[in-house]
Amino acid sequence: MQRQTTIIENSMIWCGAGISIAEILTGTYLAPLGFTKGIAVIILGHIIGCFLLFLAGIIGGQQRLSSMNAAKISFGQNGSKFFALLNVLQLIGWTGIMIYDGALAANGVWHLNQALWVILIGALIIGWLLVGVRHLYYLNLATISTLLILSGLLCAAIFTHHSTSSPTGTLSWAQGMELVIAMPLSWLPLISDYTSVAQRPVPTSGISAVVYGLTSCWMAFIGLGAAILTHDINIATIILRAGLGIAGLFIIIFSTITTTFMDAYSAGVSSKTIFNKWSGTMAAIGATILGTISALIFPMDNFSNFLYLIGSVFAPMIAIQITDYFILKVDYRQQNCQWTNLILWLIGFIIYRILLNYSFPLGSTVTTIIVIIAMTWGTCRVMKLVKAK
């Protein structure tokens, strides 16, 4: 029997996920909103996104199913493979983005060679994967504790040394909300990979969502503050101005590793949903290698459109899962493919993409989820009435 993980172990994993360059960069994108609106968007967006993250964790945790195996409850055996494939692709994308941004920032602090930094970070992530999620306790404890202290120093440096000119650029409230919500939303297809092997799945889901939400908010605050107060969105420049030097380099490298490890690990788990005989660890290493190659070849300086794409895929997916599991209490795992739910997902995807073109008060994610929950419930009721006749 495999060892089950504790709440503390999962807390450290999700704290590591939250302490991330991606979260800091997302905060910098919100600078055109100003401090007051920017902070409000960060907090509200994380409350919404992390609540969805919590519910997703419960589904897989209670059923002892990985995230993509839990998708079988709503989409059937083969229907879930479609989302597993999309998830693997987004995780390889995230792996490449994180390694690229980490290497870019590291090279800005210590001018070695960006390609060498890419390879080094990729190799360290593979090392983390070989240790394995169930054996990372002391390594994560030391790494996360150090990251928390150094991130505190970075935060203090940013908020005590600044100028006073106004931020430039344009961004609507709705666009800002979507960027923030998309960060926890991108973890929806991952969380059950961890809660499914937890000793206490429901409390672990709650604590994981809260810990990630708090640390992610903190990183976004740092990014927002850096963009508005120091007028710079370059992570390396921000760290050098803060006087952190080697300590800043530690933040860059190890925050990238602790976050990207989760992407690669879950890419391996999701791959097993598609190809059952594959080794999860080897698939995760393969995803890391592909991400590393992508970081060497492609420029990945702005990933805001990637965040919107993630939202359009996974917002309608989780809406259907929430409705089926918590409201309708149905299970389609015996079906090959649940076509009705797949059609509803496609409708949700289209709705989300259309709403991105408008400054809708509730934003694309919340509106899409409300509409798809209502449609999923209504469709199920109608089908039951038809069968009854």
Protein backbone atom coordinates (compact mmCIF):
# COMPACT_ATOMS: atom_id res chain seq x y z
CA MET A 1 0.00 0.00 0.00
CA GLN A 2 1.36 3.42 -0.95
CA ARG A 3 2.00 5.90 1.84
CA GLN A 4 -0.67 8.58 2.14
CA THR A 5 0.34 12.23 2.45
CA THR A 6 -0.43 14.46 5.43
CA ILE A 7 -2.10 17.87 5.51
CA ILE A 8 1.26 19.49 6.34
CA GLU A 9 2.96 17.83 3.36
CA ASN A 10 0.21 19.01 1.03
CA SER A 11 0.35 22.50 2.56
CA MET A 12 4.04 22.75 1.71
CA ILE A 13 3.43 21.49 -1.83
CA TRP A 14 0.74 24.13 -2.43
CA CYS A 15 2.74 26.86 -0.72
CA GLY A 16 5.49 26.04 -3.21
CA ALA A 17 2.95 26.30 -6.04
CA GLY A 18 1.90 29.76 -4.87
CA ILE A 19 5.43 31.12 -4.50
CA SER A 20 6.02 31.53 -8.20
CA ILE A 21 7.38 33.94 -10.77
CA ALA A 22 4.18 33.38 -12.78
CA GLU A 23 2.10 34.77 -9.91
CA ILE A 24 4.40 37.80 -9.61
CA LEU A 25 4.19 38.43 -13.36
CA THR A 26 0.39 38.14 -13.26
CA GLY A 27 0.41 40.84 -10.58
CA THR A 28 2.44 43.12 -12.86
CA TYR A 29 -0.20 42.75 -15.59
CA LEU A 30 -2.75 44.34 -13.21
CA ALA A 31 -0.81 47.60 -12.77
CA PRO A 32 -3.10 49.62 -15.11
CA LEU A 33 -5.94 49.07 -12.61
CA GLY A 34 -4.03 50.94 -9.89
CA PHE A 35 -3.47 49.79 -6.29
CA THR A 36 -7.03 49.78 -4.95
CA LYS A 37 -8.69 48.00 -7.86
CA GLY A 38 -5.65 45.78 -8.39
CA ILE A 39 -5.70 44.50 -4.81
CA ALA A 40 -9.49 44.03 -4.95
CA VAL A 41 -9.20 42.01 -8.17
CA ILE A 42 -6.42 39.85 -6.71
CA ILE A 43 -8.40 39.04 -3.55
CA LEU A 44 -11.79 38.50 -5.21
CA GLY A 45 -10.32 36.52 -8.10
CA HIS A 46 -8.48 34.20 -5.73
CA ILE A 47 -11.57 33.67 -3.55
CA ILE A 48 -13.55 32.55 -6.61
CA GLY A 49 -10.75 30.50 -8.15
CA CYS A 50 -9.68 28.82 -4.91
CA PHE A 51 -13.27 27.89 -4.01
CA LEU A 52 -13.47 26.05 -7.34
CA LEU A 53 -10.07 24.50 -6.58
CA PHE A 54 -11.41 23.28 -3.22
CA LEU A 55 -14.45 21.63 -4.83
CA ALA A 56 -12.29 19.96 -7.47
CA GLY A 57 -10.04 18.60 -4.72
CA ILE A 58 -13.01 17.12 -2.87
CA ILE A 59 -14.31 15.26 -5.94
CA GLY A 60 -11.07 13.41 -6.61
CA GLY A 61 -10.14 13.13 -2.95
CA GLN A 62 -13.36 11.49 -1.80
CA GLN A 63 -13.37 9.08 -4.74
CA ARG A 64 -9.61 8.41 -4.46
CA LEU A 65 -9.22 9.33 -8.11
CA SER A 66 -6.61 11.47 -9.82
CA SER A 67 -7.95 14.64 -11.44
CA MET A 68 -8.40 13.22 -14.92
CA ASN A 69 -9.77 9.91 -13.63
CA ALA A 70 -12.29 11.97 -11.63
CA ALA A 71 -13.34 13.58 -14.92
CA LYS A 72 -14.69 10.14 -15.93
CA ILE A 73 -17.57 10.72 -13.46
CA SER A 74 -18.94 13.43 -15.76
CA PHE A 75 -17.52 12.59 -19.18
CA GLY A 76 -17.19 8.80 -19.30
CA GLN A 77 -14.17 6.57 -19.83
CA ASN A 78 -13.04 7.95 -23.18
CA GLY A 79 -14.58 11.39 -22.74
CA SER A 80 -12.15 12.04 -19.89
CA LYS A 81 -9.21 11.24 -22.17
CA PHE A 82 -10.00 14.37 -24.20
CA PHE A 83 -9.52 16.53 -21.09
CA ALA A 84 -6.49 14.50 -20.04
CA LEU A 85 -4.90 15.31 -23.40
CA LEU A 86 -5.76 19.02 -23.06
CA ASN A 87 -4.38 18.95 -19.52
CA VAL A 88 -1.11 17.33 -20.59
CA LEU A 89 -0.72 19.96 -23.31
CA GLN A 90 -1.40 22.87 -20.91
CA LEU A 91 0.99 21.37 -18.34
CA ILE A 92 3.77 21.01 -20.90
CA GLY A 93 3.00 24.61 -21.87
CA TRP A 94 3.22 25.74 -18.23
CA THR A 95 6.44 23.77 -17.77
CA GLY A 96 7.98 25.58 -20.73
CA ILE A 97 6.72 28.99 -19.58
CA MET A 98 7.97 28.53 -16.01
CA ILE A 99 11.40 27.29 -17.09
CA TYR A 100 11.69 30.11 -19.65
CA ASP A 101 10.71 32.83 -17.17
CA GLY A 102 12.90 31.32 -14.45
CA ALA A 103 15.92 31.14 -16.75
CA LEU A 104 15.30 34.67 -18.09
CA ALA A 105 15.15 36.09 -14.56
CA ALA A 106 18.12 34.03 -13.32
CA ASN A 107 20.25 35.19 -16.26
CA GLY A 108 19.30 38.78 -15.46
CA VAL A 109 20.70 38.36 -11.95
CA TRP A 110 23.74 36.27 -12.89
CA HIS A 111 24.74 36.66 -16.56
CA LEU A 112 25.72 33.11 -17.30
CA ASN A 113 23.75 32.08 -20.39
CA GLN A 114 19.98 31.79 -20.65
CA ALA A 115 20.15 28.42 -22.41
CA LEU A 116 22.37 27.04 -19.62
CA TRP A 117 19.90 28.29 -17.01
CA VAL A 118 17.06 26.59 -18.92
CA ILE A 119 18.94 23.28 -18.90
CA LEU A 120 19.95 23.63 -15.23
CA ILE A 121 16.41 24.37 -14.06
CA GLY A 122 15.03 21.54 -16.20
CA ALA A 123 17.58 19.12 -14.70
CA LEU A 124 16.72 20.18 -11.13
CA ILE A 125 13.00 19.63 -11.82
CA ILE A 126 13.79 16.12 -13.05
CA GLY A 127 15.72 15.56 -9.81
CA TRP A 128 12.63 16.63 -7.81
CA LEU A 129 10.51 14.19 -9.86
CA LEU A 130 12.90 11.31 -9.17
CA VAL A 131 12.62 11.95 -5.43
CA GLY A 132 8.82 11.67 -5.77
CA VAL A 133 5.87 13.51 -4.21
CA ARG A 134 5.68 11.12 -1.22
CA HIS A 135 9.34 11.64 -0.25
CA LEU A 136 9.77 15.40 -0.58
CA TYR A 137 8.91 16.36 3.01
CA TYR A 138 12.30 17.53 4.32
CA LEU A 139 13.45 18.89 0.96
CA ASN A 140 10.25 20.91 0.60
CA LEU A 141 10.37 22.02 4.25
CA ALA A 142 13.84 23.52 3.85
CA THR A 143 13.12 25.02 0.43
CA ILE A 144 9.71 26.52 1.22
CA SER A 145 10.86 27.94 4.58
CA THR A 146 13.76 29.71 2.88
CA LEU A 147 11.53 30.95 0.05
CA LEU A 148 9.04 32.42 2.53
CA ILE A 149 11.77 34.35 4.34
CA LEU A 150 13.39 35.64 1.16
CA SER A 151 10.03 36.55 -0.39
CA GLY A 152 9.31 38.58 2.74
CA LEU A 153 12.56 40.49 2.24
CA LEU A 154 11.70 41.09 -1.42
CA CYS A 155 8.24 42.35 -0.47
CA ALA A 156 9.67 44.74 2.14
CA ALA A 157 12.26 46.08 -0.30
CA ILE A 158 9.66 46.79 -2.98
CA PHE A 159 7.16 48.52 -0.71
CA THR A 160 9.74 50.74 1.02
CA HIS A 161 11.65 51.99 -2.04
CA HIS A 162 9.47 53.52 -4.72
CA SER A 163 8.56 56.57 -6.77
CA THR A 164 5.12 58.09 -7.21
CA SER A 165 4.14 58.31 -10.88
CA SER A 166 0.94 56.71 -12.15
CA PRO A 167 0.82 53.32 -13.90
CA THR A 168 0.39 53.21 -17.67
CA GLY A 169 -1.52 50.85 -19.97
CA THR A 170 -5.15 49.77 -20.18
CA LEU A 171 -6.90 46.84 -18.55
CA SER A 172 -10.57 46.46 -17.66
CA TRP A 173 -11.84 45.09 -14.34
CA ALA A 174 -13.25 42.03 -16.15
CA GLN A 175 -9.96 41.30 -17.91
CA GLY A 176 -8.08 41.61 -14.63
CA MET A 177 -10.51 39.22 -12.94
CA GLU A 178 -10.03 36.64 -15.67
CA LEU A 179 -6.24 36.82 -15.38
CA VAL A 180 -6.37 36.28 -11.62
CA ILE A 181 -9.06 33.56 -11.60
CA ALA A 182 -7.16 31.68 -14.32
CA MET A 183 -4.21 31.14 -11.98
CA PRO A 184 -6.04 28.88 -9.46
CA LEU A 185 -8.19 27.58 -12.33
CA SER A 186 -5.06 26.24 -14.02
CA TRP A 187 -4.53 24.00 -10.97
CA LEU A 188 -8.04 22.47 -11.15
CA PRO A 189 -6.90 19.54 -13.32
CA LEU A 190 -4.06 18.85 -10.85
CA ILE A 191 -5.32 19.12 -7.29
CA SER A 192 -6.90 15.66 -7.09
CA ASP A 193 -3.56 14.13 -8.08
CA TYR A 194 -2.57 15.13 -4.53
CA THR A 195 -5.83 14.95 -2.54
CA SER A 196 -6.51 11.43 -3.86
CA VAL A 197 -3.44 10.16 -1.97
CA ALA A 198 -4.03 12.29 1.15
CA GLN A 199 -4.88 10.80 4.55
CA ARG A 200 -7.81 13.21 4.98
CA PRO A 201 -8.98 14.31 1.51
CA VAL A 202 -11.60 16.95 2.40
CA PRO A 203 -9.56 18.92 4.99
CA THR A 204 -6.53 18.57 2.73
CA SER A 205 -8.51 20.05 -0.18
CA GLY A 206 -9.54 23.02 1.97
CA ILE A 207 -6.10 23.69 3.42
CA SER A 208 -4.42 23.26 0.02
CA ALA A 209 -6.77 25.81 -1.58
CA VAL A 210 -6.33 28.29 1.28
CA VAL A 211 -2.53 27.97 1.42
CA TYR A 212 -2.21 28.32 -2.34
CA GLY A 213 -4.64 31.27 -2.34
CA LEU A 214 -2.75 33.16 0.37
CA THR A 215 0.72 32.64 -1.10
CA SER A 216 -0.48 33.33 -4.65
CA CYS A 217 -2.15 36.57 -3.49
CA TRP A 218 1.08 37.58 -1.77
CA MET A 219 3.11 37.00 -4.94
CA ALA A 220 0.55 38.92 -7.02
CA PHE A 221 0.74 41.81 -4.50
CA ILE A 222 4.53 41.83 -4.97
CA GLY A 223 4.11 41.96 -8.75
CA LEU A 224 1.48 44.70 -8.56
CA GLY A 225 3.60 46.71 -6.14
CA ALA A 226 6.72 46.28 -8.25
CA ALA A 227 4.96 47.44 -11.42
CA ILE A 228 3.32 50.48 -9.80
CA LEU A 229 5.96 51.57 -7.29
CA THR A 230 9.20 50.72 -9.10
CA HIS A 231 7.75 50.98 -12.64
CA ASP A 232 9.45 47.73 -13.64
CA ILE A 233 8.02 44.34 -14.57
CA ASN A 234 11.40 42.65 -15.09
CA ILE A 235 11.85 40.18 -12.22
CA ALA A 236 15.65 40.30 -12.35
CA THR A 237 15.73 44.11 -12.22
CA ILE A 238 13.27 44.13 -9.33
CA ILE A 239 15.41 41.67 -7.36
CA LEU A 240 18.65 43.54 -8.07
CA ARG A 241 17.08 46.86 -7.05
CA ALA A 242 15.92 45.17 -3.85
CA GLY A 243 19.57 44.30 -3.16
CA LEU A 244 18.92 40.57 -2.81
CA GLY A 245 21.53 39.30 -5.30
CA ILE A 246 22.27 35.60 -4.64
CA ALA A 247 19.27 35.36 -2.32
CA GLY A 248 17.12 36.60 -5.19
CA LEU A 249 18.66 33.98 -7.45
CA PHE A 250 17.58 31.34 -4.92
CA ILE A 251 14.01 32.70 -5.05
CA ILE A 252 13.98 32.54 -8.85
CA ILE A 253 15.40 29.04 -9.23
CA PHE A 254 13.67 27.23 -6.39
CA SER A 255 10.28 28.92 -6.75
CA THR A 256 10.40 27.80 -10.38
CA ILE A 257 11.29 24.24 -9.36
CA THR A 258 8.64 23.84 -6.64
CA THR A 259 5.92 25.11 -8.98
CA THR A 260 7.00 23.43 -12.20
CA PHE A 261 7.51 20.10 -10.41
CA MET A 262 3.74 20.03 -9.85
CA ASP A 263 3.04 20.73 -13.52
CA ALA A 264 5.37 17.98 -14.69
CA TYR A 265 4.23 15.48 -12.04
CA SER A 266 0.58 15.94 -12.97
CA ALA A 267 1.40 15.74 -16.68
CA GLY A 268 2.69 12.26 -15.87
CA VAL A 269 -0.43 11.35 -13.88
CA SER A 270 -2.73 12.64 -16.64
CA SER A 271 -0.75 10.71 -19.24
CA LYS A 272 -1.62 7.48 -17.42
CA THR A 273 -5.32 8.29 -17.95
CA ILE A 274 -4.68 8.20 -21.71
CA PHE A 275 -2.08 5.41 -21.77
CA ASN A 276 -2.62 3.22 -18.73
CA LYS A 277 0.62 1.26 -19.12
CA TRP A 278 2.86 4.31 -19.13
CA SER A 279 5.09 5.06 -16.15
CA GLY A 280 3.85 8.26 -14.49
CA THR A 281 7.37 9.28 -13.46
CA MET A 282 8.85 8.70 -16.91
CA ALA A 283 5.95 10.59 -18.54
CA ALA A 284 6.57 13.49 -16.11
CA ILE A 285 10.26 13.50 -17.00
CA GLY A 286 9.28 13.46 -20.68
CA ALA A 287 6.99 16.47 -20.11
CA THR A 288 9.87 18.29 -18.39
CA ILE A 289 12.19 17.57 -21.31
CA LEU A 290 9.57 18.83 -23.80
CA GLY A 291 9.01 21.94 -21.68
CA THR A 292 12.77 22.52 -21.49
CA ILE A 293 13.12 22.20 -25.27
CA SER A 294 10.20 24.63 -25.73
CA ALA A 295 11.89 27.12 -23.39
CA LEU A 296 15.06 26.88 -25.48
CA ILE A 297 13.25 27.44 -28.79
CA PHE A 298 10.22 29.70 -28.26
CA PRO A 299 9.89 33.21 -26.71
CA MET A 300 7.39 33.11 -23.83
CA ASP A 301 7.53 36.62 -22.39
CA ASN A 302 3.76 37.21 -22.12
CA PHE A 303 1.41 34.37 -21.18
CA SER A 304 -1.83 36.33 -20.59
CA ASN A 305 -3.51 34.80 -23.68
CA PHE A 306 -2.47 31.36 -22.43
CA LEU A 307 -4.28 32.10 -19.14
CA TYR A 308 -7.45 33.05 -21.01
CA LEU A 309 -7.25 29.79 -22.98
CA ILE A 310 -6.92 27.80 -19.75
CA GLY A 311 -10.00 29.54 -18.35
CA SER A 312 -12.06 28.79 -21.45
CA VAL A 313 -11.20 25.07 -21.27
CA PHE A 314 -11.45 24.36 -17.55
CA ALA A 315 -14.20 26.73 -16.34
CA PRO A 316 -17.00 24.85 -18.18
CA MET A 317 -15.37 21.52 -17.30
CA ILE A 318 -15.45 22.15 -13.55
CA ALA A 319 -18.98 23.60 -13.80
CA ILE A 320 -20.23 20.29 -15.21
CA GLN A 321 -18.26 18.27 -12.63
CA ILE A 322 -19.63 20.33 -9.73
CA THR A 323 -23.20 19.93 -10.99
CA ASP A 324 -22.92 16.17 -11.56
CA TYR A 325 -21.12 15.39 -8.29
CA PHE A 326 -22.60 17.78 -5.74
CA ILE A 327 -26.08 18.59 -7.14
CA LEU A 328 -27.28 15.79 -9.42
CA LYS A 329 -25.13 13.07 -7.79
CA VAL A 330 -24.77 11.14 -11.06
CA ASP A 331 -21.88 8.96 -12.19
CA TYR A 332 -21.15 8.24 -15.86
CA ARG A 333 -18.04 6.11 -15.37
CA GLN A 334 -19.80 3.09 -16.88
CA GLN A 335 -20.34 4.98 -20.12
CA ASN A 336 -17.79 5.10 -22.91
CA CYS A 337 -18.45 8.78 -23.63
CA GLN A 338 -20.99 11.18 -22.08
CA TRP A 339 -21.82 13.15 -25.21
CA THR A 340 -24.39 15.44 -23.60
CA ASN A 341 -21.82 16.80 -21.15
CA LEU A 342 -19.20 17.11 -23.89
CA ILE A 343 -21.63 19.22 -25.94
CA LEU A 344 -22.38 21.33 -22.85
CA TRP A 345 -18.64 21.80 -22.34
CA LEU A 346 -18.27 22.99 -25.95
CA ILE A 347 -21.11 25.47 -25.42
CA GLY A 348 -19.36 26.72 -22.28
CA PHE A 349 -16.07 27.07 -24.14
CA ILE A 350 -17.75 29.18 -26.84
CA ILE A 351 -19.59 31.32 -24.25
CA TYR A 352 -16.32 32.03 -22.42
CA ARG A 353 -14.49 33.01 -25.62
CA ILE A 354 -17.34 35.34 -26.67
CA LEU A 355 -17.52 37.01 -23.24
CA LEU A 356 -13.80 37.81 -23.39
CA ASN A 357 -14.67 40.43 -26.02
CA TYR A 358 -16.93 42.29 -23.59
CA SER A 359 -16.35 43.93 -20.22
CA PHE A 360 -19.04 41.83 -18.55
CA PRO A 361 -19.49 42.74 -14.83
CA LEU A 362 -19.25 39.15 -13.53
CA GLY A 363 -16.43 38.25 -15.89
CA SER A 364 -16.21 35.32 -18.29
CA THR A 365 -15.44 32.60 -15.73
CA VAL A 366 -18.25 33.24 -13.24
CA THR A 367 -20.83 33.87 -15.97
CA THR A 368 -19.83 30.74 -17.89
CA ILE A 369 -19.93 28.59 -14.75
CA ILE A 370 -23.39 29.87 -13.74
CA VAL A 371 -24.78 29.30 -17.25
CA ILE A 372 -23.29 25.80 -17.61
CA ILE A 373 -24.39 24.69 -14.13
CA ALA A 374 -27.94 25.78 -14.99
CA MET A 375 -27.79 24.10 -18.41
CA THR A 376 -26.34 20.85 -17.01
CA TRP A 377 -29.01 20.66 -14.31
CA GLY A 378 -31.79 21.60 -16.74
CA THR A 379 -30.66 19.11 -19.39
CA CYS A 380 -30.53 16.28 -16.86
CA ARG A 381 -34.04 17.09 -15.59
CA VAL A 382 -35.46 17.22 -19.12
CA MET A 383 -33.85 13.89 -20.05
CA LYS A 384 -35.29 12.25 -16.94
CA LEU A 385 -38.77 13.55 -17.81
CA VAL A 386 -38.44 12.25 -21.37
CA LYS A 387 -37.36 8.82 -20.14
CA ALA A 388 -40.22 8.74 -17.62
CA LYS A 389 -42.73 9.20 -20.44
